């Protein structure tokens, strides 16, 4: 009788643990139905996924006076386009490529007088993500391939058809600041890491981002200019 009780207790304990703990991938994702930080989402400020069938242009403004030691227009545009493709699921034909934008810049002598919306219209885009770089520091450390870097930018999303600002609603633009104290893999990796971090800190507002991936190590703080 006592042996039967022990078996029954063990069975009930196993059943309880099985119901309470669900293994997902490489970690435990829920206990007694409580969602993890990955299951919890930070709600999109502007749900771009609902508009992924619209043609989008990423327009990076790198002021002429900014000595960034890198073509930030290229790196940042490519990083944001990659995020739009992977996170928002934009198909390639709905993203204006950096090459298309470069060709447009080369043949327009009046580019400086055009607004972001006008550039978007000329390239048949329906929405424009305007990113203005405010500062960038890429500092070598010693005589090795070590770099310290930081970047500040502002971003806003516009509707080309009506010219209205779609995001953010509470301010003219969203300010971001990213950086790191050391990158040991050389200058090109440092620039890629910096611009990838900036791209994440912009695109994360356009989809329901998992809570544990919203903040990243390279994010310094949200700042206002």
C-alpha atoms as a PDB file:
ATOM      1  CA  UNK A   1       0.000   0.000   0.000  1.00  0.00           C
ATOM      2  CA  UNK A   2       2.793   2.380   0.947  1.00  0.00           C
ATOM      3  CA  UNK A   3       4.604   1.610  -2.337  1.00  0.00           C
ATOM      4  CA  UNK A   4       1.444   2.421  -4.290  1.00  0.00           C
ATOM      5  CA  UNK A   5       1.170   5.760  -2.491  1.00  0.00           C
ATOM      6  CA  UNK A   6       4.770   6.612  -3.342  1.00  0.00           C
ATOM      7  CA  UNK A   7       4.203   5.733  -7.008  1.00  0.00           C
ATOM      8  CA  UNK A   8       1.035   7.834  -7.078  1.00  0.00           C
ATOM      9  CA  UNK A   9       2.850  10.792  -5.484  1.00  0.00           C
ATOM     10  CA  UNK A  10       5.727  10.513  -7.962  1.00  0.00           C
ATOM     11  CA  UNK A  11       3.276  10.373 -10.874  1.00  0.00           C
ATOM     12  CA  UNK A  12       1.428  13.459  -9.679  1.00  0.00           C
ATOM     13  CA  UNK A  13       4.705  15.327  -9.151  1.00  0.00           C
ATOM     14  CA  UNK A  14       5.898  14.517 -12.674  1.00  0.00           C
ATOM     15  CA  UNK A  15       2.558  15.602 -14.113  1.00  0.00           C
ATOM     16  CA  UNK A  16       2.721  18.891 -12.204  1.00  0.00           C
ATOM     17  CA  UNK A  17       6.259  19.609 -13.375  1.00  0.00           C
ATOM     18  CA  UNK A  18       5.329  18.724 -16.936  1.00  0.00           C
ATOM     19  CA  UNK A  19       2.443  21.170 -16.875  1.00  0.00           C
ATOM     20  CA  UNK A  20       4.433  23.902 -15.163  1.00  0.00           C
ATOM     21  CA  UNK A  21       7.593  23.844 -17.238  1.00  0.00           C
ATOM     22  CA  UNK A  22       7.633  23.962 -21.009  1.00  0.00           C
ATOM     23  CA  UNK A  23      10.973  23.722 -22.743  1.00  0.00           C
ATOM     24  CA  UNK A  24      11.302  25.949 -25.826  1.00  0.00           C
ATOM     25  CA  UNK A  25      14.545  26.094 -27.819  1.00  0.00           C
ATOM     26  CA  UNK A  26      17.485  26.447 -25.455  1.00  0.00           C
ATOM     27  CA  UNK A  27      15.651  27.662 -22.361  1.00  0.00           C
ATOM     28  CA  UNK A  28      12.592  27.449 -20.181  1.00  0.00           C
ATOM     29  CA  UNK A  29       9.920  29.755 -21.554  1.00  0.00           C
ATOM     30  CA  UNK A  30       7.043  29.522 -19.155  1.00  0.00           C
ATOM     31  CA  UNK A  31       6.261  28.567 -15.597  1.00  0.00           C
ATOM     32  CA  UNK A  32       2.627  27.971 -14.722  1.00  0.00           C
ATOM     33  CA  UNK A  33       1.604  29.928 -17.814  1.00  0.00           C
ATOM     34  CA  UNK A  34       3.640  33.070 -17.007  1.00  0.00           C
ATOM     35  CA  UNK A  35       5.075  34.583 -20.224  1.00  0.00           C
ATOM     36  CA  UNK A  36       8.811  35.147 -20.396  1.00  0.00           C
ATOM     37  CA  UNK A  37      10.498  38.391 -21.460  1.00  0.00           C
ATOM     38  CA  UNK A  38      10.863  36.943 -24.951  1.00  0.00           C
ATOM     39  CA  UNK A  39       7.152  36.129 -25.134  1.00  0.00           C
ATOM     40  CA  UNK A  40       6.245  39.598 -23.866  1.00  0.00           C
ATOM     41  CA  UNK A  41       6.259  42.262 -26.568  1.00  0.00           C
ATOM     42  CA  UNK A  42       6.944  45.970 -26.593  1.00  0.00           C
ATOM     43  CA  UNK A  43       4.079  47.257 -28.723  1.00  0.00           C
ATOM     44  CA  UNK A  44       4.963  48.967 -31.998  1.00  0.00           C
ATOM     45  CA  UNK A  45       4.633  52.739 -31.968  1.00  0.00           C
ATOM     46  CA  UNK A  46       3.800  52.531 -35.668  1.00  0.00           C
ATOM     47  CA  UNK A  47       2.970  49.070 -37.003  1.00  0.00           C
ATOM     48  CA  UNK A  48       4.864  49.037 -40.284  1.00  0.00           C
ATOM     49  CA  UNK A  49       4.127  45.334 -40.756  1.00  0.00           C
ATOM     50  CA  UNK A  50       0.598  46.336 -41.746  1.00  0.00           C
ATOM     51  CA  UNK A  51       2.101  48.425 -44.550  1.00  0.00           C
ATOM     52  CA  UNK A  52       4.869  46.108 -45.765  1.00  0.00           C
ATOM     53  CA  UNK A  53       3.267  46.042 -49.221  1.00  0.00           C
ATOM     54  CA  UNK A  54       4.167  49.718 -49.636  1.00  0.00           C
ATOM     55  CA  UNK A  55       7.412  50.815 -51.237  1.00  0.00           C
ATOM     56  CA  UNK A  56       9.783  52.277 -48.632  1.00  0.00           C
ATOM     57  CA  UNK A  57      12.796  54.549 -48.981  1.00  0.00           C
ATOM     58  CA  UNK A  58      15.436  54.940 -46.284  1.00  0.00           C
ATOM     59  CA  UNK A  59      16.991  58.384 -46.682  1.00  0.00           C
ATOM     60  CA  UNK A  60      20.058  59.032 -44.533  1.00  0.00           C
ATOM     61  CA  UNK A  61      21.221  62.619 -44.183  1.00  0.00           C
ATOM     62  CA  UNK A  62      24.943  62.830 -43.408  1.00  0.00           C
ATOM     63  CA  UNK A  63      25.893  66.524 -43.162  1.00  0.00           C
ATOM     64  CA  UNK A  64      28.884  67.634 -45.243  1.00  0.00           C
ATOM     65  CA  UNK A  65      30.609  69.025 -42.148  1.00  0.00           C
ATOM     66  CA  UNK A  66      30.474  65.674 -40.351  1.00  0.00           C
ATOM     67  CA  UNK A  67      33.886  64.009 -40.500  1.00  0.00           C
ATOM     68  CA  UNK A  68      32.682  60.492 -39.750  1.00  0.00           C
ATOM     69  CA  UNK A  69      35.624  58.658 -41.360  1.00  0.00           C
ATOM     70  CA  UNK A  70      33.052  56.392 -43.004  1.00  0.00           C
ATOM     71  CA  UNK A  71      30.297  56.520 -45.595  1.00  0.00           C
ATOM     72  CA  UNK A  72      27.506  56.458 -43.037  1.00  0.00           C
ATOM     73  CA  UNK A  73      24.898  56.921 -45.746  1.00  0.00           C
ATOM     74  CA  UNK A  74      25.837  53.554 -47.174  1.00  0.00           C
ATOM     75  CA  UNK A  75      26.354  51.590 -43.956  1.00  0.00           C
ATOM     76  CA  UNK A  76      23.314  52.959 -42.160  1.00  0.00           C
ATOM     77  CA  UNK A  77      21.007  52.604 -45.186  1.00  0.00           C
ATOM     78  CA  UNK A  78      22.096  49.010 -45.708  1.00  0.00           C
ATOM     79  CA  UNK A  79      21.689  48.191 -42.005  1.00  0.00           C
ATOM     80  CA  UNK A  80      18.174  49.654 -41.840  1.00  0.00           C
ATOM     81  CA  UNK A  81      17.130  47.967 -45.095  1.00  0.00           C
ATOM     82  CA  UNK A  82      18.355  44.676 -43.645  1.00  0.00           C
ATOM     83  CA  UNK A  83      16.262  45.217 -40.510  1.00  0.00           C
ATOM     84  CA  UNK A  84      13.204  46.092 -42.599  1.00  0.00           C
ATOM     85  CA  UNK A  85      13.684  42.886 -44.552  1.00  0.00           C
ATOM     86  CA  UNK A  86      14.254  40.595 -41.565  1.00  0.00           C
ATOM     87  CA  UNK A  87      11.997  42.139 -38.920  1.00  0.00           C
ATOM     88  CA  UNK A  88       9.188  43.712 -40.935  1.00  0.00           C
ATOM     89  CA  UNK A  89       9.400  41.129 -43.770  1.00  0.00           C
ATOM     90  CA  UNK A  90       9.577  43.684 -46.577  1.00  0.00           C
ATOM     91  CA  UNK A  91      10.223  41.988 -49.903  1.00  0.00           C
ATOM     92  CA  UNK A  92      13.236  43.339 -51.866  1.00  0.00           C
ATOM     93  CA  UNK A  93      11.022  44.901 -54.533  1.00  0.00           C
ATOM     94  CA  UNK A  94       9.367  47.087 -51.886  1.00  0.00           C
ATOM     95  CA  UNK A  95      12.659  48.545 -50.633  1.00  0.00           C
ATOM     96  CA  UNK A  96      14.418  51.301 -52.586  1.00  0.00           C
ATOM     97  CA  UNK A  97      18.008  50.065 -52.711  1.00  0.00           C
ATOM     98  CA  UNK A  98      21.033  52.195 -51.881  1.00  0.00           C
ATOM     99  CA  UNK A  99      22.169  51.777 -55.493  1.00  0.00           C
ATOM    100  CA  UNK A 100      18.933  53.239 -56.831  1.00  0.00           C
ATOM    101  CA  UNK A 101      19.222  56.165 -54.448  1.00  0.00           C
ATOM    102  CA  UNK A 102      22.859  56.768 -55.423  1.00  0.00           C
ATOM    103  CA  UNK A 103      21.957  56.843 -59.116  1.00  0.00           C
ATOM    104  CA  UNK A 104      19.219  59.372 -58.365  1.00  0.00           C
ATOM    105  CA  UNK A 105      21.666  61.559 -56.412  1.00  0.00           C
ATOM    106  CA  UNK A 106      24.170  61.450 -59.262  1.00  0.00           C
ATOM    107  CA  UNK A 107      21.778  62.756 -61.905  1.00  0.00           C
ATOM    108  CA  UNK A 108      19.968  65.422 -59.853  1.00  0.00           C
ATOM    109  CA  UNK A 109      21.701  68.767 -59.507  1.00  0.00           C
ATOM    110  CA  UNK A 110      18.867  70.154 -57.369  1.00  0.00           C
ATOM    111  CA  UNK A 111      19.001  67.431 -54.698  1.00  0.00           C
ATOM    112  CA  UNK A 112      19.745  69.861 -51.874  1.00  0.00           C
ATOM    113  CA  UNK A 113      16.477  71.704 -52.531  1.00  0.00           C
ATOM    114  CA  UNK A 114      14.295  68.580 -52.415  1.00  0.00           C
ATOM    115  CA  UNK A 115      12.470  67.464 -49.295  1.00  0.00           C
ATOM    116  CA  UNK A 116      12.521  63.839 -48.132  1.00  0.00           C
ATOM    117  CA  UNK A 117       8.964  63.412 -49.396  1.00  0.00           C
ATOM    118  CA  UNK A 118       9.902  64.824 -52.821  1.00  0.00           C
ATOM    119  CA  UNK A 119      12.847  62.432 -53.076  1.00  0.00           C
ATOM    120  CA  UNK A 120      10.538  59.589 -52.097  1.00  0.00           C
ATOM    121  CA  UNK A 121       8.013  60.551 -54.765  1.00  0.00           C
ATOM    122  CA  UNK A 122      10.717  60.711 -57.422  1.00  0.00           C
ATOM    123  CA  UNK A 123      11.794  57.163 -56.532  1.00  0.00           C
ATOM    124  CA  UNK A 124       8.194  55.880 -56.447  1.00  0.00           C
ATOM    125  CA  UNK A 125       8.282  55.281 -52.703  1.00  0.00           C
ATOM    126  CA  UNK A 126       5.113  55.454 -50.625  1.00  0.00           C
ATOM    127  CA  UNK A 127       6.773  55.962 -47.252  1.00  0.00           C
ATOM    128  CA  UNK A 128      10.126  57.555 -46.402  1.00  0.00           C
ATOM    129  CA  UNK A 129      12.191  56.870 -43.305  1.00  0.00           C
ATOM    130  CA  UNK A 130      14.354  59.959 -42.863  1.00  0.00           C
ATOM    131  CA  UNK A 131      17.422  59.484 -40.648  1.00  0.00           C
ATOM    132  CA  UNK A 132      19.541  62.489 -39.788  1.00  0.00           C
ATOM    133  CA  UNK A 133      22.997  61.781 -38.377  1.00  0.00           C
ATOM    134  CA  UNK A 134      23.812  64.348 -35.702  1.00  0.00           C
ATOM    135  CA  UNK A 135      27.299  63.176 -34.744  1.00  0.00           C
ATOM    136  CA  UNK A 136      29.591  60.209 -35.160  1.00  0.00           C
ATOM    137  CA  UNK A 137      32.891  59.364 -33.472  1.00  0.00           C
ATOM    138  CA  UNK A 138      35.109  56.528 -34.635  1.00  0.00           C
ATOM    139  CA  UNK A 139      38.262  56.634 -32.548  1.00  0.00           C
ATOM    140  CA  UNK A 140      41.211  54.221 -32.939  1.00  0.00           C
ATOM    141  CA  UNK A 141      42.721  53.010 -29.673  1.00  0.00           C
ATOM    142  CA  UNK A 142      46.504  52.701 -29.802  1.00  0.00           C
ATOM    143  CA  UNK A 143      48.288  51.209 -32.789  1.00  0.00           C
ATOM    144  CA  UNK A 144      46.125  48.079 -33.007  1.00  0.00           C
ATOM    145  CA  UNK A 145      42.798  47.443 -34.707  1.00  0.00           C
ATOM    146  CA  UNK A 146      40.810  48.583 -31.664  1.00  0.00           C
ATOM    147  CA  UNK A 147      38.116  51.230 -31.928  1.00  0.00           C
ATOM    148  CA  UNK A 148      35.821  53.208 -29.691  1.00  0.00           C
ATOM    149  CA  UNK A 149      32.703  54.572 -31.354  1.00  0.00           C
ATOM    150  CA  UNK A 150      29.460  56.443 -30.830  1.00  0.00           C
ATOM    151  CA  UNK A 151      26.686  57.729 -33.066  1.00  0.00           C
ATOM    152  CA  UNK A 152      23.702  59.990 -32.550  1.00  0.00           C
ATOM    153  CA  UNK A 153      20.805  60.322 -34.963  1.00  0.00           C
ATOM    154  CA  UNK A 154      17.186  61.343 -35.317  1.00  0.00           C
ATOM    155  CA  UNK A 155      14.564  59.447 -37.312  1.00  0.00           C
ATOM    156  CA  UNK A 156      11.041  60.084 -38.591  1.00  0.00           C
ATOM    157  CA  UNK A 157       8.689  58.245 -40.946  1.00  0.00           C
ATOM    158  CA  UNK A 158       6.674  60.152 -43.560  1.00  0.00           C
ATOM    159  CA  UNK A 159       3.792  59.359 -45.888  1.00  0.00           C
ATOM    160  CA  UNK A 160       4.780  60.346 -49.411  1.00  0.00           C
ATOM    161  CA  UNK A 161       1.243  60.787 -50.716  1.00  0.00           C
ATOM    162  CA  UNK A 162       0.083  63.291 -48.143  1.00  0.00           C
ATOM    163  CA  UNK A 163       3.392  64.418 -46.686  1.00  0.00           C
ATOM    164  CA  UNK A 164       2.243  63.716 -43.128  1.00  0.00           C
ATOM    165  CA  UNK A 165       4.600  62.482 -40.444  1.00  0.00           C
ATOM    166  CA  UNK A 166       3.518  58.964 -39.495  1.00  0.00           C
ATOM    167  CA  UNK A 167       6.036  58.436 -36.686  1.00  0.00           C
ATOM    168  CA  UNK A 168       6.729  59.532 -34.066  1.00  0.00           C
ATOM    169  CA  UNK A 169       3.495  61.185 -33.040  1.00  0.00           C
ATOM    170  CA  UNK A 170       4.810  62.839 -29.884  1.00  0.00           C
ATOM    171  CA  UNK A 171       7.824  64.669 -31.364  1.00  0.00           C
ATOM    172  CA  UNK A 172       9.244  65.831 -34.705  1.00  0.00           C
ATOM    173  CA  UNK A 173      11.706  62.919 -34.634  1.00  0.00           C
ATOM    174  CA  UNK A 174      12.929  60.053 -32.471  1.00  0.00           C
ATOM    175  CA  UNK A 175      16.438  60.529 -31.094  1.00  0.00           C
ATOM    176  CA  UNK A 176      18.812  57.610 -30.600  1.00  0.00           C
ATOM    177  CA  UNK A 177      22.361  57.256 -29.342  1.00  0.00           C
ATOM    178  CA  UNK A 178      24.498  54.140 -29.608  1.00  0.00           C
ATOM    179  CA  UNK A 179      28.138  53.287 -29.043  1.00  0.00           C
ATOM    180  CA  UNK A 180      30.704  51.026 -27.439  1.00  0.00           C
ATOM    181  CA  UNK A 181      33.982  51.379 -25.560  1.00  0.00           C
ATOM    182  CA  UNK A 182      35.960  48.863 -27.580  1.00  0.00           C
ATOM    183  CA  UNK A 183      35.762  46.794 -30.739  1.00  0.00           C
ATOM    184  CA  UNK A 184      38.814  44.635 -31.404  1.00  0.00           C
ATOM    185  CA  UNK A 185      38.039  43.382 -34.921  1.00  0.00           C
ATOM    186  CA  UNK A 186      39.008  46.432 -36.919  1.00  0.00           C
ATOM    187  CA  UNK A 187      37.507  49.579 -38.386  1.00  0.00           C
ATOM    188  CA  UNK A 188      35.064  47.985 -40.825  1.00  0.00           C
ATOM    189  CA  UNK A 189      33.560  45.749 -38.148  1.00  0.00           C
ATOM    190  CA  UNK A 190      33.330  48.734 -35.790  1.00  0.00           C
ATOM    191  CA  UNK A 191      31.365  50.759 -38.366  1.00  0.00           C
ATOM    192  CA  UNK A 192      29.088  47.808 -39.161  1.00  0.00           C
ATOM    193  CA  UNK A 193      28.446  47.163 -35.469  1.00  0.00           C
ATOM    194  CA  UNK A 194      27.700  50.834 -34.828  1.00  0.00           C
ATOM    195  CA  UNK A 195      25.267  51.232 -37.724  1.00  0.00           C
ATOM    196  CA  UNK A 196      23.580  47.879 -37.046  1.00  0.00           C
ATOM    197  CA  UNK A 197      22.920  49.033 -33.487  1.00  0.00           C
ATOM    198  CA  UNK A 198      21.471  52.329 -34.737  1.00  0.00           C
ATOM    199  CA  UNK A 199      19.296  50.478 -37.246  1.00  0.00           C
ATOM    200  CA  UNK A 200      17.900  48.228 -34.533  1.00  0.00           C
ATOM    201  CA  UNK A 201      17.125  51.183 -32.257  1.00  0.00           C
ATOM    202  CA  UNK A 202      15.046  52.731 -35.055  1.00  0.00           C
ATOM    203  CA  UNK A 203      13.290  49.735 -36.607  1.00  0.00           C
ATOM    204  CA  UNK A 204      12.298  48.218 -33.229  1.00  0.00           C
ATOM    205  CA  UNK A 205       9.525  50.824 -33.007  1.00  0.00           C
ATOM    206  CA  UNK A 206       7.838  49.466 -36.148  1.00  0.00           C
ATOM    207  CA  UNK A 207       6.922  45.974 -34.919  1.00  0.00           C
ATOM    208  CA  UNK A 208       5.995  44.235 -31.677  1.00  0.00           C
ATOM    209  CA  UNK A 209       9.547  43.644 -30.487  1.00  0.00           C
ATOM    210  CA  UNK A 210      10.256  40.901 -27.903  1.00  0.00           C
ATOM    211  CA  UNK A 211      10.938  42.579 -24.588  1.00  0.00           C
ATOM    212  CA  UNK A 212      14.302  40.853 -24.115  1.00  0.00           C
ATOM    213  CA  UNK A 213      15.533  42.135 -27.490  1.00  0.00           C
ATOM    214  CA  UNK A 214      14.262  45.704 -27.307  1.00  0.00           C
ATOM    215  CA  UNK A 215      17.272  47.088 -25.440  1.00  0.00           C
ATOM    216  CA  UNK A 216      20.750  46.266 -26.716  1.00  0.00           C
ATOM    217  CA  UNK A 217      24.211  46.585 -25.192  1.00  0.00           C
ATOM    218  CA  UNK A 218      25.268  49.333 -27.631  1.00  0.00           C
ATOM    219  CA  UNK A 219      22.403  51.649 -26.705  1.00  0.00           C
ATOM    220  CA  UNK A 220      23.684  54.505 -24.587  1.00  0.00           C
ATOM    221  CA  UNK A 221      20.510  56.475 -23.951  1.00  0.00           C
ATOM    222  CA  UNK A 222      17.650  58.168 -25.693  1.00  0.00           C
ATOM    223  CA  UNK A 223      18.602  61.793 -26.065  1.00  0.00           C
ATOM    224  CA  UNK A 224      16.999  64.999 -27.199  1.00  0.00           C
ATOM    225  CA  UNK A 225      18.731  67.763 -29.179  1.00  0.00           C
END
